[in-house]
Amino acid sequence: MEQNDNKYAPPVARVADPLPAVTTPRPRQVVTAIWLLWIALIAPFIVRQMVNAGTFYTAEPKHLLQLASIGGSVLVYSILSFAMLNGKNWGRITYLIFASFGWLGILIVLSVSNSFVKIYQGSIVLVINVVVSQLLVISSVVLLFTKPGSEWFRKRND
């Protein structure tokens, strides 16, 4: 740098491009967990449509409420998936909280009702659907909170 004798001249600084951030690759385990999350969300809807063949959603208030619920779930899961794929720890913690609410709901239903099959109109297919869906949710939570997924989130949030 050359010296300037003008005491009113602005300071001179050397400007360089910032160094590229060192990023660790996203573990396959995290990607698998996100896929399981989406399968657990979408599969019950598809199975329910197959069981209730011929009964499609109409403009009845209960159907509109169900469609709004599905749309809201897809929106929330999209935000959480995007956050988790970008290494945001709050995304996986929020997902854990939502999953816990689902498990708590199932436990409440089981404690109130003497038959889980009765709740689903006697359809064993729907009961199996709920069980498989919750197993997928549990699997995705385990993948997100065990190594190497947990380490990756920790490194991304340091």
Protein backbone atom coordinates (compact mmCIF):
# COMPACT_ATOMS: atom_id res chain seq x y z
CA MET A 1 0.00 0.00 0.00
CA GLU A 2 1.23 3.41 -0.69
CA GLN A 3 1.20 6.13 1.90
CA ASN A 4 -0.91 9.18 1.35
CA ASP A 5 0.26 12.41 2.94
CA ASN A 6 -3.24 13.85 2.94
CA LYS A 7 -4.49 13.49 6.50
CA TYR A 8 -8.11 13.89 5.28
CA ALA A 9 -7.96 11.01 2.85
CA PRO A 10 -10.11 7.98 3.72
CA PRO A 11 -8.28 4.95 5.04
CA VAL A 12 -7.17 2.44 2.46
CA ALA A 13 -7.87 -1.23 2.99
CA ARG A 14 -7.07 -4.23 0.90
CA VAL A 15 -10.29 -5.98 -0.12
CA ALA A 16 -10.36 -9.63 -1.06
CA ASP A 17 -13.01 -12.19 -1.76
CA PRO A 18 -14.10 -14.04 1.37
CA LEU A 19 -12.76 -17.53 1.81
CA PRO A 20 -15.27 -20.20 0.81
CA ALA A 21 -17.00 -21.80 3.75
CA VAL A 22 -15.99 -25.34 4.49
CA THR A 23 -19.14 -27.43 4.37
CA THR A 24 -19.53 -31.02 5.35
CA PRO A 25 -21.59 -33.11 2.98
CA ARG A 26 -25.12 -33.95 4.02
CA PRO A 27 -25.22 -37.49 5.41
CA ARG A 28 -27.31 -40.03 3.54
CA GLN A 29 -29.05 -40.71 6.85
CA VAL A 30 -30.55 -37.20 6.89
CA VAL A 31 -31.81 -37.52 3.32
CA THR A 32 -33.34 -40.92 4.15
CA ALA A 33 -35.05 -39.41 7.20
CA ILE A 34 -36.61 -36.68 5.05
CA TRP A 35 -37.88 -39.30 2.58
CA LEU A 36 -39.40 -41.30 5.44
CA LEU A 37 -41.03 -38.14 6.76
CA TRP A 38 -42.75 -37.55 3.41
CA ILE A 39 -43.78 -41.17 2.97
CA ALA A 40 -45.28 -41.15 6.47
CA LEU A 41 -47.25 -38.01 5.55
CA ILE A 42 -48.49 -39.02 2.09
CA ALA A 43 -49.01 -42.80 2.40
CA PRO A 44 -51.92 -42.65 4.89
CA PHE A 45 -53.79 -40.27 2.60
CA ILE A 46 -53.35 -42.61 -0.38
CA VAL A 47 -54.35 -45.72 1.59
CA ARG A 48 -57.42 -43.97 2.99
CA GLN A 49 -58.47 -43.02 -0.55
CA MET A 50 -58.04 -46.64 -1.68
CA VAL A 51 -60.08 -47.98 1.26
CA ASN A 52 -62.82 -45.41 0.70
CA ALA A 53 -62.90 -46.09 -3.05
CA GLY A 54 -65.58 -44.10 -4.76
CA THR A 55 -65.89 -41.61 -1.89
CA PHE A 56 -63.97 -38.56 -2.93
CA TYR A 57 -63.67 -35.24 -1.24
CA THR A 58 -66.64 -32.99 -1.86
CA ALA A 59 -67.59 -29.46 -0.84
CA GLU A 60 -69.00 -30.68 2.47
CA PRO A 61 -67.56 -28.85 5.49
CA LYS A 62 -65.92 -31.99 6.94
CA HIS A 63 -64.18 -32.71 3.63
CA LEU A 64 -63.05 -29.11 3.28
CA LEU A 65 -61.62 -29.23 6.79
CA GLN A 66 -59.77 -32.46 5.98
CA LEU A 67 -58.35 -30.96 2.78
CA ALA A 68 -57.26 -27.83 4.65
CA SER A 69 -55.59 -30.04 7.26
CA ILE A 70 -53.73 -31.98 4.57
CA GLY A 71 -52.68 -28.77 2.81
CA GLY A 72 -51.46 -27.25 6.08
CA SER A 73 -49.52 -30.40 6.91
CA VAL A 74 -47.85 -30.39 3.49
CA LEU A 75 -46.89 -26.73 3.93
CA VAL A 76 -45.46 -27.25 7.43
CA TYR A 77 -43.59 -30.41 6.41
CA SER A 78 -42.18 -28.59 3.37
CA ILE A 79 -40.78 -25.85 5.60
CA LEU A 80 -39.37 -28.39 8.08
CA SER A 81 -37.87 -30.53 5.30
CA PHE A 82 -36.18 -27.53 3.72
CA ALA A 83 -34.83 -26.43 7.10
CA MET A 84 -33.51 -29.90 7.95
CA LEU A 85 -31.91 -30.36 4.53
CA ASN A 86 -30.08 -27.08 5.15
CA GLY A 87 -28.86 -28.24 8.55
CA LYS A 88 -31.17 -26.13 10.72
CA ASN A 89 -31.43 -27.72 14.15
CA TRP A 90 -34.77 -26.03 14.87
CA GLY A 91 -36.29 -27.98 11.97
CA ARG A 92 -35.52 -31.37 13.43
CA ILE A 93 -36.54 -30.30 16.94
CA THR A 94 -39.86 -28.96 15.65
CA TYR A 95 -40.39 -32.21 13.74
CA LEU A 96 -39.70 -34.16 16.94
CA ILE A 97 -42.31 -32.07 18.78
CA PHE A 98 -44.93 -32.65 16.06
CA ALA A 99 -44.14 -36.38 16.01
CA SER A 100 -44.51 -36.47 19.80
CA PHE A 101 -47.96 -34.88 19.52
CA GLY A 102 -48.91 -37.62 17.06
CA TRP A 103 -47.69 -40.34 19.41
CA LEU A 104 -49.47 -38.72 22.33
CA GLY A 105 -52.69 -38.58 20.29
CA ILE A 106 -52.46 -42.28 19.54
CA LEU A 107 -51.87 -43.08 23.20
CA ILE A 108 -54.89 -40.99 24.21
CA VAL A 109 -57.08 -42.72 21.62
CA LEU A 110 -55.90 -46.12 22.82
CA SER A 111 -56.55 -45.24 26.47
CA VAL A 112 -60.07 -43.93 25.77
CA SER A 113 -61.19 -46.59 23.33
CA ASN A 114 -61.13 -50.28 24.04
CA SER A 115 -60.57 -51.04 20.35
CA PHE A 116 -58.34 -49.21 17.92
CA VAL A 117 -60.10 -50.99 15.03
CA LYS A 118 -63.50 -49.54 16.08
CA ILE A 119 -62.18 -46.02 15.67
CA TYR A 120 -61.22 -46.75 12.08
CA GLN A 121 -64.67 -48.11 11.17
CA GLY A 122 -63.59 -51.72 11.55
CA SER A 123 -60.94 -51.47 8.84
CA ILE A 124 -57.83 -53.37 9.76
CA VAL A 125 -56.15 -51.82 6.70
CA LEU A 126 -56.51 -48.34 8.20
CA VAL A 127 -55.13 -49.55 11.54
CA ILE A 128 -52.12 -51.10 9.82
CA ASN A 129 -51.75 -47.85 7.88
CA VAL A 130 -51.52 -45.83 11.11
CA VAL A 131 -49.06 -48.27 12.67
CA VAL A 132 -46.78 -48.33 9.61
CA SER A 133 -46.96 -44.55 9.29
CA GLN A 134 -45.93 -44.08 12.92
CA LEU A 135 -43.09 -46.59 12.52
CA LEU A 136 -41.83 -44.48 9.60
CA VAL A 137 -42.03 -41.35 11.75
CA ILE A 138 -40.11 -43.07 14.57
CA SER A 139 -37.48 -44.24 12.07
CA SER A 140 -37.03 -40.74 10.66
CA VAL A 141 -36.68 -39.23 14.15
CA VAL A 142 -34.09 -41.85 15.09
CA LEU A 143 -32.11 -41.16 11.91
CA LEU A 144 -32.16 -37.40 12.55
CA PHE A 145 -31.05 -37.67 16.19
CA THR A 146 -28.34 -40.34 15.94
CA LYS A 147 -24.85 -40.21 14.41
CA PRO A 148 -23.89 -39.14 11.75
CA GLY A 149 -27.03 -36.99 11.40
CA SER A 150 -26.78 -35.46 14.87
CA GLU A 151 -23.10 -34.58 14.33
CA TRP A 152 -23.88 -32.96 10.99
CA PHE A 153 -26.57 -30.76 12.55
CA ARG A 154 -24.20 -29.86 15.40
CA LYS A 155 -21.43 -28.83 12.99
CA ARG A 156 -23.86 -26.80 10.88
CA ASN A 157 -25.10 -24.87 13.92
CA ASP A 158 -21.72 -24.07 15.51
